[in-house]
Every structure is written in structure tokens, then in C-alpha cells.
C-alpha atoms as a PDB file:
ATOM      1  CA  MET A   1       3.674 -25.612  30.750  1.00  0.00           C
ATOM      2  CA  ASN A   2       0.834 -25.217  28.238  1.00  0.00           C
ATOM      3  CA  ASP A   3       0.645 -21.674  26.798  1.00  0.00           C
ATOM      4  CA  THR A   4      -3.118 -21.584  27.258  1.00  0.00           C
ATOM      5  CA  VAL A   5      -2.783 -22.534  30.915  1.00  0.00           C
ATOM      6  CA  LEU A   6      -0.068 -19.915  31.452  1.00  0.00           C
ATOM      7  CA  SER A   7      -2.220 -17.266  29.777  1.00  0.00           C
ATOM      8  CA  ARG A   8      -5.130 -18.108  32.057  1.00  0.00           C
ATOM      9  CA  ARG A   9      -2.970 -17.929  35.174  1.00  0.00           C
ATOM     10  CA  LEU A  10      -1.523 -14.596  34.067  1.00  0.00           C
ATOM     11  CA  SER A  11      -5.073 -13.289  33.695  1.00  0.00           C
ATOM     12  CA  TYR A  12      -5.782 -14.429  37.271  1.00  0.00           C
ATOM     13  CA  PHE A  13      -2.680 -12.610  38.475  1.00  0.00           C
ATOM     14  CA  VAL A  14      -3.665  -9.408  36.642  1.00  0.00           C
ATOM     15  CA  ALA A  15      -7.134  -9.537  38.217  1.00  0.00           C
ATOM     16  CA  VAL A  16      -5.654  -9.949  41.708  1.00  0.00           C
ATOM     17  CA  ALA A  17      -3.168  -7.137  41.079  1.00  0.00           C
ATOM     18  CA  HIS A  18      -6.029  -4.893  39.999  1.00  0.00           C
ATOM     19  CA  GLU A  19      -8.177  -5.578  43.073  1.00  0.00           C
ATOM     20  CA  LEU A  20      -5.304  -6.113  45.563  1.00  0.00           C
ATOM     21  CA  HIS A  21      -7.736  -8.481  47.248  1.00  0.00           C
ATOM     22  CA  VAL A  22      -8.075 -12.186  46.442  1.00  0.00           C
ATOM     23  CA  GLY A  23     -11.734 -12.376  47.486  1.00  0.00           C
ATOM     24  CA  ARG A  24     -12.868  -9.497  45.271  1.00  0.00           C
ATOM     25  CA  ALA A  25     -10.751 -10.768  42.378  1.00  0.00           C
ATOM     26  CA  ALA A  26     -12.265 -14.244  42.711  1.00  0.00           C
ATOM     27  CA  GLU A  27     -15.758 -12.752  42.667  1.00  0.00           C
ATOM     28  CA  ALA A  28     -14.953 -10.730  39.539  1.00  0.00           C
ATOM     29  CA  LEU A  29     -13.571 -13.843  37.848  1.00  0.00           C
ATOM     30  CA  GLY A  30     -16.530 -15.985  38.843  1.00  0.00           C
ATOM     31  CA  MET A  31     -14.504 -18.515  40.812  1.00  0.00           C
ATOM     32  CA  THR A  32     -13.970 -19.422  44.455  1.00  0.00           C
ATOM     33  CA  GLN A  33     -11.307 -17.744  46.570  1.00  0.00           C
ATOM     34  CA  PRO A  34      -9.503 -21.028  47.421  1.00  0.00           C
ATOM     35  CA  ALA A  35      -9.327 -21.936  43.713  1.00  0.00           C
ATOM     36  CA  LEU A  36      -7.855 -18.534  42.825  1.00  0.00           C
ATOM     37  CA  THR A  37      -5.352 -18.735  45.671  1.00  0.00           C
ATOM     38  CA  GLN A  38      -4.264 -22.165  44.448  1.00  0.00           C
ATOM     39  CA  GLN A  39      -3.749 -20.858  40.887  1.00  0.00           C
ATOM     40  CA  LEU A  40      -1.599 -17.990  42.169  1.00  0.00           C
ATOM     41  CA  ARG A  41       0.555 -20.404  44.172  1.00  0.00           C
ATOM     42  CA  VAL A  42       1.032 -22.634  41.140  1.00  0.00           C
ATOM     43  CA  LEU A  43       2.047 -19.591  39.046  1.00  0.00           C
ATOM     44  CA  GLU A  44       4.552 -18.487  41.698  1.00  0.00           C
ATOM     45  CA  ALA A  45       5.966 -22.004  41.871  1.00  0.00           C
ATOM     46  CA  GLU A  46       6.387 -22.163  38.083  1.00  0.00           C
ATOM     47  CA  ILE A  47       8.071 -18.765  37.953  1.00  0.00           C
ATOM     48  CA  GLY A  48      10.106 -19.409  41.069  1.00  0.00           C
ATOM     49  CA  VAL A  49       9.391 -16.141  42.905  1.00  0.00           C
ATOM     50  CA  ALA A  50       6.662 -14.725  45.146  1.00  0.00           C
ATOM     51  CA  LEU A  51       4.358 -12.318  43.338  1.00  0.00           C
ATOM     52  CA  VAL A  52       2.080 -11.140  46.165  1.00  0.00           C
ATOM     53  CA  ARG A  53       2.272 -10.744  49.919  1.00  0.00           C
ATOM     54  CA  ARG A  54      -0.359 -10.241  52.598  1.00  0.00           C
ATOM     55  CA  VAL A  55      -0.909  -6.709  53.914  1.00  0.00           C
ATOM     56  CA  GLY A  56      -3.586  -6.499  56.593  1.00  0.00           C
ATOM     57  CA  ARG A  57      -6.820  -7.803  55.062  1.00  0.00           C
ATOM     58  CA  GLY A  58      -5.570  -7.351  51.519  1.00  0.00           C
ATOM     59  CA  ILE A  59      -2.457  -8.061  49.528  1.00  0.00           C
ATOM     60  CA  ALA A  60       0.358  -6.102  47.877  1.00  0.00           C
ATOM     61  CA  LEU A  61       2.606  -6.932  44.975  1.00  0.00           C
ATOM     62  CA  THR A  62       6.163  -7.951  45.627  1.00  0.00           C
ATOM     63  CA  GLU A  63       8.933  -6.327  43.623  1.00  0.00           C
ATOM     64  CA  ALA A  64       8.797  -9.277  41.221  1.00  0.00           C
ATOM     65  CA  GLY A  65       5.015  -8.989  40.991  1.00  0.00           C
ATOM     66  CA  SER A  66       5.252  -5.288  40.153  1.00  0.00           C
ATOM     67  CA  ALA A  67       7.766  -6.087  37.404  1.00  0.00           C
ATOM     68  CA  LEU A  68       5.561  -8.856  36.005  1.00  0.00           C
ATOM     69  CA  LEU A  69       2.296  -6.887  35.959  1.00  0.00           C
ATOM     70  CA  PRO A  70       2.877  -4.615  32.901  1.00  0.00           C
ATOM     71  CA  GLU A  71       4.433  -7.497  30.978  1.00  0.00           C
ATOM     72  CA  ALA A  72       1.511  -9.767  31.807  1.00  0.00           C
ATOM     73  CA  ARG A  73      -0.978  -7.128  30.693  1.00  0.00           C
ATOM     74  CA  ALA A  74       0.917  -6.580  27.447  1.00  0.00           C
ATOM     75  CA  ALA A  75       1.066 -10.326  26.763  1.00  0.00           C
ATOM     76  CA  LEU A  76      -2.668 -10.717  27.318  1.00  0.00           C
ATOM     77  CA  GLU A  77      -3.458  -7.710  25.124  1.00  0.00           C
ATOM     78  CA  GLN A  78      -1.226  -9.046  22.349  1.00  0.00           C
ATOM     79  CA  GLU A  79      -2.886 -12.435  22.553  1.00  0.00           C
ATOM     80  CA  ALA A  80      -6.347 -10.851  22.307  1.00  0.00           C
ATOM     81  CA  HIS A  81      -5.168  -8.701  19.384  1.00  0.00           C
ATOM     82  CA  ALA A  82      -3.773 -11.715  17.508  1.00  0.00           C
ATOM     83  CA  ILE A  83      -6.993 -13.676  17.993  1.00  0.00           C
ATOM     84  CA  ALA A  84      -9.076 -10.722  16.808  1.00  0.00           C
ATOM     85  CA  ILE A  85      -6.966 -10.391  13.636  1.00  0.00           C
ATOM     86  CA  ALA A  86      -7.271 -14.113  12.877  1.00  0.00           C
ATOM     87  CA  ARG A  87     -11.036 -14.001  13.322  1.00  0.00           C
ATOM     88  CA  ARG A  88     -11.407 -10.918  11.098  1.00  0.00           C
ATOM     89  CA  VAL A  89      -9.262 -12.441   8.375  1.00  0.00           C
ATOM     90  CA  GLY A  90     -11.295 -15.630   8.660  1.00  0.00           C
ATOM     91  CA  ARG A  91     -14.437 -13.585   8.051  1.00  0.00           C
ATOM     92  CA  GLY A  92     -12.821 -11.923   5.030  1.00  0.00           C
ATOM     93  CA  GLU A  93     -12.183  -8.675   6.864  1.00  0.00           C
ATOM     94  CA  ALA A  94      -8.412  -8.284   6.445  1.00  0.00           C
ATOM     95  CA  ARG A  95      -6.963  -5.370   8.382  1.00  0.00           C
ATOM     96  CA  SER A  96      -4.331  -4.445   5.805  1.00  0.00           C
ATOM     97  CA  LEU A  97      -3.839  -3.956   2.078  1.00  0.00           C
ATOM     98  CA  ASN A  98      -0.512  -4.374   0.307  1.00  0.00           C
ATOM     99  CA  ILE A  99      -0.393  -1.999  -2.658  1.00  0.00           C
ATOM    100  CA  GLY A 100       2.268  -1.758  -5.331  1.00  0.00           C
ATOM    101  CA  TYR A 101       2.605   1.295  -7.547  1.00  0.00           C
ATOM    102  CA  VAL A 102       4.748   2.637 -10.373  1.00  0.00           C
ATOM    103  CA  SER A 103       6.803   5.726  -9.677  1.00  0.00           C
ATOM    104  CA  THR A 104       4.740   8.431 -11.396  1.00  0.00           C
ATOM    105  CA  VAL A 105       1.318   7.571  -9.968  1.00  0.00           C
ATOM    106  CA  MET A 106       1.961   9.332  -6.664  1.00  0.00           C
ATOM    107  CA  LEU A 107       2.044  12.612  -8.582  1.00  0.00           C
ATOM    108  CA  GLU A 108      -1.600  12.157  -9.614  1.00  0.00           C
ATOM    109  CA  PRO A 109      -4.080  14.194  -7.508  1.00  0.00           C
ATOM    110  CA  ALA A 110      -6.836  11.608  -8.017  1.00  0.00           C
ATOM    111  CA  LEU A 111      -4.739   8.888  -6.415  1.00  0.00           C
ATOM    112  CA  SER A 112      -3.822  11.168  -3.515  1.00  0.00           C
ATOM    113  CA  GLU A 113      -7.536  11.780  -2.996  1.00  0.00           C
ATOM    114  CA  LEU A 114      -8.294   8.054  -3.114  1.00  0.00           C
ATOM    115  CA  LEU A 115      -5.646   7.168  -0.528  1.00  0.00           C
ATOM    116  CA  PHE A 116      -6.668  10.050   1.752  1.00  0.00           C
ATOM    117  CA  ARG A 117     -10.352   9.135   1.605  1.00  0.00           C
ATOM    118  CA  PHE A 118      -9.677   5.447   2.182  1.00  0.00           C
ATOM    119  CA  ARG A 119      -7.586   6.170   5.274  1.00  0.00           C
ATOM    120  CA  THR A 120     -10.309   8.522   6.531  1.00  0.00           C
ATOM    121  CA  GLU A 121     -13.318   6.343   5.780  1.00  0.00           C
ATOM    122  CA  VAL A 122     -11.748   2.953   6.577  1.00  0.00           C
ATOM    123  CA  PRO A 123      -9.317   3.831   9.384  1.00  0.00           C
ATOM    124  CA  ASP A 124      -8.994   0.288  10.736  1.00  0.00           C
ATOM    125  CA  VAL A 125      -7.273  -0.940   7.548  1.00  0.00           C
ATOM    126  CA  VAL A 126      -3.532  -0.319   7.326  1.00  0.00           C
ATOM    127  CA  LEU A 127      -2.138   0.484   3.870  1.00  0.00           C
ATOM    128  CA  HIS A 128       1.309  -0.858   2.977  1.00  0.00           C
ATOM    129  CA  LEU A 129       2.613   0.920  -0.137  1.00  0.00           C
ATOM    130  CA  GLU A 130       5.599  -0.258  -2.167  1.00  0.00           C
ATOM    131  CA  GLU A 131       7.041   1.247  -5.356  1.00  0.00           C
ATOM    132  CA  ALA A 132       7.820  -1.411  -7.954  1.00  0.00           C
ATOM    133  CA  VAL A 133       8.081  -1.831 -11.712  1.00  0.00           C
ATOM    134  CA  VAL A 134       5.094  -3.362 -13.508  1.00  0.00           C
ATOM    135  CA  ALA A 135       6.659  -6.818 -13.919  1.00  0.00           C
ATOM    136  CA  ASP A 136       7.376  -7.088 -10.185  1.00  0.00           C
ATOM    137  CA  GLN A 137       3.850  -5.960  -9.357  1.00  0.00           C
ATOM    138  CA  LEU A 138       2.363  -8.666 -11.560  1.00  0.00           C
ATOM    139  CA  ARG A 139       4.493 -11.296  -9.830  1.00  0.00           C
ATOM    140  CA  GLY A 140       3.437  -9.892  -6.466  1.00  0.00           C
ATOM    141  CA  LEU A 141      -0.235 -10.248  -7.379  1.00  0.00           C
ATOM    142  CA  GLN A 142       0.245 -13.783  -8.666  1.00  0.00           C
ATOM    143  CA  LYS A 143       2.050 -14.842  -5.497  1.00  0.00           C
ATOM    144  CA  GLN A 144      -0.520 -12.991  -3.353  1.00  0.00           C
ATOM    145  CA  LEU A 145       2.196 -10.767  -1.897  1.00  0.00           C
ATOM    146  CA  LEU A 146       0.223  -7.776  -3.196  1.00  0.00           C
ATOM    147  CA  ASP A 147      -3.500  -7.142  -2.979  1.00  0.00           C
ATOM    148  CA  LEU A 148      -3.504  -4.295  -5.489  1.00  0.00           C
ATOM    149  CA  ALA A 149      -1.209  -2.806  -8.111  1.00  0.00           C
ATOM    150  CA  ILE A 150      -1.500   0.694  -9.568  1.00  0.00           C
ATOM    151  CA  VAL A 151       0.033   0.925 -13.032  1.00  0.00           C
ATOM    152  CA  ARG A 152      -0.022   3.019 -16.171  1.00  0.00           C
ATOM    153  CA  GLU A 153      -2.434   1.932 -18.871  1.00  0.00           C
ATOM    154  CA  PRO A 154      -2.786   0.039 -21.061  1.00  0.00           C
ATOM    155  CA  ALA A 155      -3.189  -2.962 -18.803  1.00  0.00           C
ATOM    156  CA  GLY A 156      -2.831  -5.230 -21.840  1.00  0.00           C
ATOM    157  CA  LEU A 157      -3.191  -8.998 -21.708  1.00  0.00           C
ATOM    158  CA  LEU A 158      -2.899  -9.815 -18.022  1.00  0.00           C
ATOM    159  CA  PRO A 159      -1.950 -13.166 -16.481  1.00  0.00           C
ATOM    160  CA  SER A 160      -4.824 -15.433 -15.501  1.00  0.00           C
ATOM    161  CA  GLY A 161      -6.422 -14.516 -12.189  1.00  0.00           C
ATOM    162  CA  ILE A 162      -5.604 -10.795 -12.325  1.00  0.00           C
ATOM    163  CA  GLY A 163      -8.401  -8.277 -12.881  1.00  0.00           C
ATOM    164  CA  SER A 164      -8.146  -4.658 -13.986  1.00  0.00           C
ATOM    165  CA  ARG A 165     -10.176  -1.490 -13.497  1.00  0.00           C
ATOM    166  CA  PRO A 166      -9.497   1.866 -15.163  1.00  0.00           C
ATOM    167  CA  PHE A 167      -9.000   4.660 -12.657  1.00  0.00           C
ATOM    168  CA  GLN A 168      -7.857   7.889 -14.306  1.00  0.00           C
ATOM    169  CA  ASN A 169      -7.266   9.320 -17.764  1.00  0.00           C
ATOM    170  CA  GLY A 170      -4.526  11.800 -18.661  1.00  0.00           C
ATOM    171  CA  ARG A 171      -2.350  13.231 -21.396  1.00  0.00           C
ATOM    172  CA  LEU A 172       1.185  12.489 -22.501  1.00  0.00           C
ATOM    173  CA  LEU A 173       3.755  15.272 -22.812  1.00  0.00           C
ATOM    174  CA  ALA A 174       6.966  15.257 -24.806  1.00  0.00           C
ATOM    175  CA  ALA A 175      10.042  15.665 -22.611  1.00  0.00           C
ATOM    176  CA  VAL A 176      12.761  17.233 -24.759  1.00  0.00           C
ATOM    177  CA  PRO A 177      16.061  19.052 -24.094  1.00  0.00           C
ATOM    178  CA  SER A 178      15.506  22.790 -23.641  1.00  0.00           C
ATOM    179  CA  GLU A 179      17.632  23.655 -26.694  1.00  0.00           C
ATOM    180  CA  LEU A 180      15.421  21.429 -28.841  1.00  0.00           C
ATOM    181  CA  ALA A 181      12.199  22.931 -27.451  1.00  0.00           C
ATOM    182  CA  ILE A 182      13.097  26.287 -29.002  1.00  0.00           C
ATOM    183  CA  ARG A 183      12.531  24.744 -32.447  1.00  0.00           C
ATOM    184  CA  PHE A 184       8.978  23.600 -31.708  1.00  0.00           C
ATOM    185  CA  GLY A 185       7.454  26.125 -29.329  1.00  0.00           C
ATOM    186  CA  LYS A 186       4.921  24.862 -26.805  1.00  0.00           C
ATOM    187  CA  ALA A 187       3.524  21.917 -28.807  1.00  0.00           C
ATOM    188  CA  ILE A 188       4.873  19.129 -30.949  1.00  0.00           C
ATOM    189  CA  GLY A 189       3.393  16.426 -33.158  1.00  0.00           C
ATOM    190  CA  PRO A 190       4.370  12.766 -32.621  1.00  0.00           C
ATOM    191  CA  ALA A 191       5.879  12.595 -36.126  1.00  0.00           C
ATOM    192  CA  ASP A 192       8.219  15.464 -35.261  1.00  0.00           C
ATOM    193  CA  LEU A 193       9.983  13.135 -32.835  1.00  0.00           C
ATOM    194  CA  ALA A 194      10.754  10.485 -35.461  1.00  0.00           C
ATOM    195  CA  GLY A 195      14.361  11.484 -35.935  1.00  0.00           C
ATOM    196  CA  PHE A 196      15.340  11.445 -32.274  1.00  0.00           C
ATOM    197  CA  PRO A 197      16.421   8.592 -30.001  1.00  0.00           C
ATOM    198  CA  PHE A 198      13.914   7.696 -27.297  1.00  0.00           C
ATOM    199  CA  VAL A 199      14.335   7.053 -23.585  1.00  0.00           C
ATOM    200  CA  VAL A 200      11.518   4.687 -22.531  1.00  0.00           C
ATOM    201  CA  LEU A 201      10.370   2.702 -19.546  1.00  0.00           C
ATOM    202  CA  ARG A 202      11.255  -0.972 -19.309  1.00  0.00           C
ATOM    203  CA  ASP A 203       7.665  -2.300 -19.190  1.00  0.00           C
ATOM    204  CA  PRO A 204       6.382  -5.736 -20.215  1.00  0.00           C
ATOM    205  CA  ASP A 205       5.052  -6.033 -23.788  1.00  0.00           C
ATOM    206  CA  GLY A 206       1.591  -4.551 -24.107  1.00  0.00           C
ATOM    207  CA  LEU A 207       1.575  -2.912 -20.703  1.00  0.00           C
ATOM    208  CA  GLY A 208       2.239   0.452 -19.178  1.00  0.00           C
ATOM    209  CA  LEU A 209       3.765   3.701 -20.310  1.00  0.00           C
ATOM    210  CA  GLY A 210       6.375   1.950 -22.421  1.00  0.00           C
ATOM    211  CA  HIS A 211       3.658   0.471 -24.625  1.00  0.00           C
ATOM    212  CA  SER A 212       1.812   3.825 -24.845  1.00  0.00           C
ATOM    213  CA  VAL A 213       4.944   5.445 -26.264  1.00  0.00           C
ATOM    214  CA  TRP A 214       5.511   2.634 -28.758  1.00  0.00           C
ATOM    215  CA  SER A 215       1.876   2.674 -29.880  1.00  0.00           C
ATOM    216  CA  LEU A 216       1.743   6.466 -30.360  1.00  0.00           C
ATOM    217  CA  CYS A 217       4.897   6.428 -32.471  1.00  0.00           C
ATOM    218  CA  GLU A 218       3.621   3.608 -34.680  1.00  0.00           C
ATOM    219  CA  LYS A 219       0.355   5.475 -35.266  1.00  0.00           C
ATOM    220  CA  ALA A 220       2.451   8.470 -36.336  1.00  0.00           C
ATOM    221  CA  GLY A 221       4.138   6.285 -38.949  1.00  0.00           C
ATOM    222  CA  PHE A 222       7.490   5.421 -37.426  1.00  0.00           C
ATOM    223  CA  THR A 223       9.135   2.947 -35.087  1.00  0.00           C
ATOM    224  CA  PRO A 224      10.843   4.674 -32.167  1.00  0.00           C
ATOM    225  CA  ARG A 225      14.604   4.265 -32.014  1.00  0.00           C
ATOM    226  CA  ILE A 226      15.270   3.249 -28.414  1.00  0.00           C
ATOM    227  CA  SER A 227      18.502   4.629 -26.971  1.00  0.00           C
ATOM    228  CA  MET A 228      17.929   3.837 -23.273  1.00  0.00           C
ATOM    229  CA  GLN A 229      15.483   1.863 -21.147  1.00  0.00           C
ATOM    230  CA  VAL A 230      14.902   2.878 -17.526  1.00  0.00           C
ATOM    231  CA  THR A 231      12.714   1.819 -14.615  1.00  0.00           C
ATOM    232  CA  ASP A 232      11.307   5.224 -13.633  1.00  0.00           C
ATOM    233  CA  VAL A 233      10.201   8.375 -15.405  1.00  0.00           C
ATOM    234  CA  ILE A 234      12.312  10.741 -13.301  1.00  0.00           C
ATOM    235  CA  GLY A 235      15.355   8.811 -14.467  1.00  0.00           C
ATOM    236  CA  ALA A 236      14.141   9.158 -18.055  1.00  0.00           C
ATOM    237  CA  MET A 237      13.874  12.925 -17.688  1.00  0.00           C
ATOM    238  CA  GLY A 238      17.380  13.039 -16.248  1.00  0.00           C
ATOM    239  CA  LEU A 239      18.670  11.267 -19.346  1.00  0.00           C
ATOM    240  CA  VAL A 240      16.747  13.699 -21.559  1.00  0.00           C
ATOM    241  CA  ALA A 241      18.476  16.557 -19.716  1.00  0.00           C
ATOM    242  CA  SER A 242      21.797  14.861 -20.545  1.00  0.00           C
ATOM    243  CA  GLY A 243      20.961  14.960 -24.237  1.00  0.00           C
ATOM    244  CA  LEU A 244      20.567  11.201 -24.607  1.00  0.00           C
ATOM    245  CA  GLY A 245      17.147  11.372 -26.239  1.00  0.00           C
ATOM    246  CA  VAL A 246      13.526  12.449 -25.889  1.00  0.00           C
ATOM    247  CA  SER A 247      10.747  10.817 -23.953  1.00  0.00           C
ATOM    248  CA  LEU A 248       6.976  10.830 -23.505  1.00  0.00           C
ATOM    249  CA  VAL A 249       5.815  11.284 -19.929  1.00  0.00           C
ATOM    250  CA  PRO A 250       2.521  11.770 -18.039  1.00  0.00           C
ATOM    251  CA  ALA A 251       1.230  15.334 -17.703  1.00  0.00           C
ATOM    252  CA  SER A 252       1.558  14.999 -13.920  1.00  0.00           C
ATOM    253  CA  LEU A 253       5.323  15.434 -14.433  1.00  0.00           C
ATOM    254  CA  ARG A 254       4.669  19.156 -14.811  1.00  0.00           C
ATOM    255  CA  ARG A 255       4.910  19.145 -11.025  1.00  0.00           C
ATOM    256  CA  VAL A 256       8.585  18.162 -11.313  1.00  0.00           C
ATOM    257  CA  ASN A 257      11.142  20.700 -12.495  1.00  0.00           C
ATOM    258  CA  ILE A 258      14.163  19.161 -14.222  1.00  0.00           C
ATOM    259  CA  HIS A 259      16.817  21.634 -15.375  1.00  0.00           C
ATOM    260  CA  GLU A 260      17.353  21.703 -19.155  1.00  0.00           C
ATOM    261  CA  VAL A 261      14.145  19.716 -19.834  1.00  0.00           C
ATOM    262  CA  GLU A 262      10.991  21.189 -21.359  1.00  0.00           C
ATOM    263  CA  LEU A 263       7.594  19.484 -21.395  1.00  0.00           C
ATOM    264  CA  LEU A 264       5.636  20.138 -24.592  1.00  0.00           C
ATOM    265  CA  GLU A 265       2.012  19.404 -25.430  1.00  0.00           C
ATOM    266  CA  VAL A 266       1.645  16.541 -27.900  1.00  0.00           C
ATOM    267  CA  THR A 267      -0.893  17.357 -30.596  1.00  0.00           C
ATOM    268  CA  GLY A 268      -3.398  14.948 -32.122  1.00  0.00           C
ATOM    269  CA  GLN A 269      -5.211  11.920 -30.797  1.00  0.00           C
ATOM    270  CA  GLY A 270      -3.689   9.022 -28.925  1.00  0.00           C
ATOM    271  CA  ALA A 271      -1.258  10.992 -26.762  1.00  0.00           C
ATOM    272  CA  GLU A 272      -2.928   9.663 -23.647  1.00  0.00           C
ATOM    273  CA  THR A 273      -1.992   7.791 -20.534  1.00  0.00           C
ATOM    274  CA  GLY A 274      -4.174   6.605 -17.690  1.00  0.00           C
ATOM    275  CA  LEU A 275      -4.017   4.685 -14.460  1.00  0.00           C
ATOM    276  CA  ALA A 276      -5.367   1.196 -13.930  1.00  0.00           C
ATOM    277  CA  ILE A 277      -5.850  -0.677 -10.685  1.00  0.00           C
ATOM    278  CA  LEU A 278      -4.925  -4.341 -10.921  1.00  0.00           C
ATOM    279  CA  TYR A 279      -6.047  -6.859  -8.328  1.00  0.00           C
ATOM    280  CA  SER A 280      -6.101 -10.556  -7.665  1.00  0.00           C
ATOM    281  CA  ALA A 281      -9.422 -11.990  -8.792  1.00  0.00           C
ATOM    282  CA  ALA A 282      -9.130 -14.415  -5.865  1.00  0.00           C
ATOM    283  CA  GLY A 283      -9.110 -11.535  -3.368  1.00  0.00           C
ATOM    284  CA  THR A 284     -12.177 -11.703  -1.134  1.00  0.00           C
ATOM    285  CA  SER A 285     -11.370  -9.353   1.736  1.00  0.00           C
ATOM    286  CA  ALA A 286     -13.816  -6.628   2.669  1.00  0.00           C
ATOM    287  CA  ALA A 287     -10.923  -4.135   2.595  1.00  0.00           C
ATOM    288  CA  LEU A 288     -10.167  -4.948  -1.054  1.00  0.00           C
ATOM    289  CA  ARG A 289     -13.821  -4.551  -2.022  1.00  0.00           C
ATOM    290  CA  GLN A 290     -14.034  -1.237  -0.158  1.00  0.00           C
ATOM    291  CA  PHE A 291     -10.916   0.092  -1.890  1.00  0.00           C
ATOM    292  CA  LEU A 292     -12.195  -0.799  -5.358  1.00  0.00           C
ATOM    293  CA  GLN A 293     -15.620   0.660  -4.610  1.00  0.00           C
ATOM    294  CA  LEU A 294     -14.121   3.924  -3.376  1.00  0.00           C
ATOM    295  CA  ALA A 295     -11.818   4.022  -6.419  1.00  0.00           C
ATOM    296  CA  SER A 296     -14.902   3.876  -8.659  1.00  0.00           C
ATOM    297  CA  THR A 297     -16.460   6.758  -6.725  1.00  0.00           C
ATOM    298  CA  VAL A 298     -13.330   8.914  -6.983  1.00  0.00           C
ATOM    299  CA  ARG A 299     -13.001   8.101 -10.708  1.00  0.00           C
ATOM    300  CA  LYS A 300     -16.618   9.161 -11.338  1.00  0.00           C
ATOM    301  CA  ASN A 301     -16.121  12.411  -9.415  1.00  0.00           C
ATOM    302  CA  VAL A 302     -12.979  13.210 -11.420  1.00  0.00           C
ATOM    303  CA  MET A 303     -14.694  12.472 -14.744  1.00  0.00           C
ATOM    304  CA  ASP A 304     -17.754  14.538 -13.782  1.00  0.00           C
ATOM    305  CA  SER A 305     -15.522  17.501 -12.956  1.00  0.00           C
ATOM    306  CA  VAL A 306     -13.801  17.511 -16.365  1.00  0.00           C
ATOM    307  CA  PRO A 307     -15.331  20.167 -18.668  1.00  0.00           C
ATOM    308  CA  VAL A 308     -17.122  18.764 -21.701  1.00  0.00           C
END
């Protein structure tokens, strides 16, 4: 039996079950009573059970009909929902956004504000969030598995077809073992870290926090001696606590308390880290455009609120 034909006959059955009267149901459907009766009989024959029975001048559902009714309604609603989604996607109005992010970005208040406002202002778009390292996010964008990626700057030289927008600026802090922090007080210069092994993120060349650390050290006149590479900053701080090196982390990590680790201000210029939003340049959905537009608004509000 053709699925379209079955769907139509189920809709006839639901109408009859609602009215409990074939004549009124036929009138509501805009068809004749004999034609509707014939469709019900065909449906009962195909299923193999009676669905309705006569009661006085009306009808009642059989036990099988009562069992079928909620399932028929659900099937029709699901069909209508699927068609609506296909039509909206066809018009460039996707109902979901797949967003990748690196581990530390969820500690940033500006991003929390962006996600909250997007869910509030565009409630019909579902956000799917997935933590991933930068390299995996780039592959996800290229394969169109992700619509957006939120990474640490610098964005660097990106693969063809991937665009980038700056979102938030911030400072880097030096994560050092507590016993070492006693020697420097509350601030430290990049050159003061030259003699220590570094724990850094495993980011692609020219991208992310890993590149920021490398660049800052080179500007201070030394090449960092890498002792460990990790995939998340919390892991890096854990290794610092174990005495395996020092690290440079976003200032948002002040919200995380790691025993035996102190976060020190880094003096001088260049000790900065920001967020960038990467996206597929081929993305055309209204949801993607709305997200990027709102991100620009939130970024402007954050920058305007920073004292000059």
C-alpha cells in the first residue's frame, strides 16, 4: 500500500473518530458520506480488523480503533512536522545549529550571554553543542558536520571556505606551581618563564591558544621548551599542579580553583587571548546569519562596557 494513500486514509479515520459520526466527518473533510464510508472499509480490510461500529445514529470506536487512534494522530503529526522541516530547510531556515567549541570558552561570560540571548530571541532553533579540539572543529566545518566553531584566537590561516569573526578579547595568565609563585608575587614577565618547561595545548600551527603561547615567548626572546602537550586547559593546569611545568591560560580560568596552582598576571604587551567564531562560508541558513549578527551585537556591548 502506498504510504501517501495510507496517510490519507488514517486522516479520514481520525476525522471520523473525532466526530463519531460519518456524515459530519464527511462534511468536515469536504467529501461525500458514501466515499468516506468506502475509505474506512478499505482501511479496515487492509488492517484486518474493524475500527468502528454503529451505535444508534452515530458510531463508536472498537477496541482496535481506540488503540489505533493515538498512534494515527502521532503518525500524522510526525509527517506534518517532517514536511515543515524540509520546507524550512529548503527556504534556508534551518531549525538547528551544530556548534563546536574548545574547552575553555564556556567559562567566558560573553559566550554565556550570546547563547542565552540566542535561545531567548530565536527559540525555534535548537542548538547542538559539542566540545572538540580545534583540528576536529575545522574538519567538522569542512565536512559540513558543524555550522559554527568557537575557538581561541589567533584564527591563523584557515582552510578554504571557512570564515572567521572575532568575538571577544581577553588576557593570558601564567599558571605556575604555588611554590614557584612565592618567588614572583602577583605578576610575572614572559621572560621570567624562559627557564621552565611548558605545558601547552595541542593546536594546529598558527591557530589557537597553543600559538598564542609560542608567539608570546618568542617576542620575549626565547623558544618555549615544551614538556607536555594536552587537549584541554584544565588538564594543563593539573600537570602544572604536578610540577611538570608552567602554562599560559585564559583569564577566565580564575573561575577554576586548582590546588597548588597560582594564576599570575603577565606583564607587558602581547599577553592576550581572544575568541573567534569560525563558520562555513557556504552556510546560507537564516539561523546561521542570526547567530553571527547577534554575536556582533554582544561583542559590541562587551567592548563598549570596557573602561577606556
